[in-house]
Protein backbone atom coordinates (compact mmCIF):
# COMPACT_ATOMS: atom_id res chain seq x y z
CA MET A 1 88.52 242.76 60.89
CA LYS A 2 85.52 241.19 62.55
CA CYS A 3 82.37 241.58 60.26
CA LEU A 4 78.74 240.58 60.91
CA ILE A 5 77.41 238.64 57.97
CA MET A 6 73.54 239.08 57.85
CA VAL A 7 71.03 236.75 56.28
CA LYS A 8 68.27 239.15 55.18
CA ALA A 9 64.77 237.06 55.48
CA THR A 10 62.40 236.78 52.81
CA LYS A 11 58.81 236.11 53.03
CA ASP A 12 59.38 232.20 53.23
CA SER A 13 61.82 232.48 55.97
CA GLU A 14 59.44 234.98 57.70
CA ALA A 15 56.65 232.17 57.17
CA GLY A 16 58.95 229.18 59.01
CA THR A 17 59.86 227.54 55.85
CA MET A 18 62.62 225.44 56.57
CA PRO A 19 65.42 224.99 53.97
CA SER A 20 66.02 221.31 52.07
CA GLU A 21 68.07 218.78 53.37
CA GLU A 22 70.26 219.59 50.39
CA MET A 23 70.12 223.53 51.01
CA PHE A 24 71.59 222.10 55.34
CA ARG A 25 74.10 220.11 53.50
CA GLU A 26 75.50 223.08 51.13
CA MET A 27 75.01 225.07 54.13
CA GLY A 28 77.22 223.05 56.21
CA LYS A 29 79.41 222.42 53.89
CA PHE A 30 80.48 226.32 53.29
CA ASN A 31 80.59 226.48 57.13
CA GLU A 32 83.02 223.90 57.68
CA GLU A 33 85.35 225.94 54.79
CA LEU A 34 84.68 228.64 56.99
CA VAL A 35 85.97 226.86 59.83
CA ASN A 36 88.97 225.19 58.47
CA ALA A 37 90.03 228.59 56.85
CA GLY A 38 89.80 230.44 60.50
CA ILE A 39 87.02 233.12 59.34
CA MET A 40 83.73 231.60 61.25
CA LEU A 41 83.94 232.78 64.58
CA SER A 42 80.20 232.21 65.19
CA GLY A 43 76.89 231.80 63.21
CA ASP A 44 73.02 230.65 63.61
CA GLY A 45 69.74 231.14 62.06
CA LEU A 46 66.96 233.20 63.73
CA GLN A 47 63.34 232.29 64.40
CA PRO A 48 60.73 234.70 61.94
CA SER A 49 60.09 237.89 63.43
CA SER A 50 56.24 236.41 64.48
CA LYS A 51 58.40 235.08 67.67
CA GLY A 52 60.40 238.29 68.16
CA VAL A 53 59.85 241.53 70.07
CA ARG A 54 60.98 244.97 69.55
CA VAL A 55 61.65 247.52 72.85
CA ARG A 56 61.13 250.74 71.53
CA PHE A 57 63.07 253.43 73.57
CA SER A 58 61.56 257.17 73.91
CA GLY A 59 63.70 258.88 76.65
CA ASN A 60 63.06 257.38 80.13
CA GLU A 61 59.87 255.52 78.17
CA ARG A 62 59.92 251.74 77.05
CA SER A 63 57.53 249.86 75.31
CA VAL A 64 57.55 246.32 74.05
CA ILE A 65 56.07 245.74 70.43
CA GLU A 66 55.31 242.23 69.61
CA GLY A 67 55.89 240.79 66.00
CA PRO A 68 55.76 239.93 63.49
CA PHE A 69 57.49 243.05 61.63
CA PRO A 70 56.51 244.66 58.26
CA ALA A 71 59.13 245.21 55.49
CA THR A 72 60.82 241.49 55.02
CA SER A 73 63.57 242.94 53.27
CA GLU A 74 64.77 244.75 56.59
CA LEU A 75 64.75 241.60 58.93
CA VAL A 76 67.66 239.27 59.62
CA ALA A 77 66.89 235.39 59.06
CA GLY A 78 70.49 234.45 60.41
CA PHE A 79 73.95 235.68 60.72
CA TRP A 80 77.88 234.87 61.09
CA ILE A 81 80.38 236.63 62.68
CA TRP A 82 83.69 236.39 60.98
CA GLN A 83 87.12 237.45 61.61
CA VAL A 84 88.48 238.58 58.11
CA LYS A 85 91.56 240.42 56.73
CA SER A 86 89.59 242.80 54.71
CA LEU A 87 86.01 244.11 53.55
CA ASP A 88 86.93 242.49 50.23
CA GLU A 89 87.81 239.08 52.05
CA ALA A 90 84.70 238.79 53.29
CA ILE A 91 83.09 239.55 50.08
CA ALA A 92 84.73 236.70 47.90
CA TRP A 93 83.46 234.49 51.06
CA VAL A 94 80.26 235.80 50.91
CA LYS A 95 79.97 235.27 47.00
CA ARG A 96 80.69 231.51 47.69
CA CYS A 97 77.80 231.02 49.88
CA PRO A 98 75.12 228.79 48.78
CA ASN A 99 71.82 230.81 48.28
CA PRO A 100 70.67 230.35 51.65
CA MET A 101 66.76 230.66 50.47
CA LEU A 102 64.44 229.11 48.42
CA CYS A 103 64.15 232.73 46.09
CA GLU A 104 66.26 235.60 45.34
CA SER A 105 67.83 236.69 48.37
CA ASP A 106 70.47 238.86 49.80
CA ILE A 107 73.40 238.81 52.16
CA GLU A 108 74.66 241.91 53.97
CA ILE A 109 78.05 242.83 55.30
CA ARG A 110 78.58 244.94 58.14
CA GLN A 111 82.17 245.86 60.26
CA ILE A 112 81.75 245.39 63.62
CA LEU A 113 83.17 248.34 65.79
CA GLU A 114 86.22 247.50 67.81
CA ALA A 115 87.76 249.46 70.51
CA ASP A 116 90.10 251.53 68.52
CA ASP A 117 87.31 252.81 66.07
CA LEU A 118 85.60 254.10 69.17
CA GLY A 119 87.74 257.80 69.36
CA GLU A 120 89.06 259.70 72.49
CA THR A 121 85.65 259.33 74.51
CA TYR A 122 86.62 255.52 74.77
CA THR A 123 88.65 256.40 77.89
CA PRO A 124 91.23 253.78 79.16
CA GLU A 125 89.03 252.67 82.27
CA LEU A 126 86.39 252.21 79.57
CA ARG A 127 88.58 250.18 77.34
CA GLN A 128 89.61 247.87 80.52
CA GLN A 129 86.23 247.55 81.48
CA ASP A 130 85.73 246.12 78.16
CA GLU A 131 88.50 243.69 78.43
CA ARG A 132 87.80 242.61 81.73
CA LEU A 133 84.19 241.92 80.31
CA ARG A 134 85.26 239.97 77.51
CA LYS A 135 87.70 238.06 79.84
CA GLN A 136 84.62 237.24 81.79
CA ILE A 137 82.34 235.99 78.96
CA GLU A 138 85.11 233.59 77.66
CA GLU A 139 85.81 232.12 80.92
CA LYS A 140 82.06 231.19 81.52
CA ARG A 141 81.75 229.34 78.14
């Protein structure tokens, strides 16, 4: 199963405070362990929400809302995409992670929907289109 692992934002990450050199080293070591175990597919940190925007959809209308956004605890400061055997395996890896923030922090784990999770409305034609697009993306890398 694929999972999105979200490092939740804090006041410090939203202020643009960078981790210490030691924290970068610890996280680099953890990332190496993930890669060597075949778990990590991708991962990056994100700029503070002050440098982001949201696009709100209301029927046919679209509006752009510039950051920063309130409710820091609901924002994401970074992410990984992992391939694991189970939610329990993902939890075990997250528990090994160094604290990514200068203060108390949270990491959220969410399973990524895959074709078999999408039900009957995800027709064979839609599945073929998805597979074709994924192949095109891989070829462009």
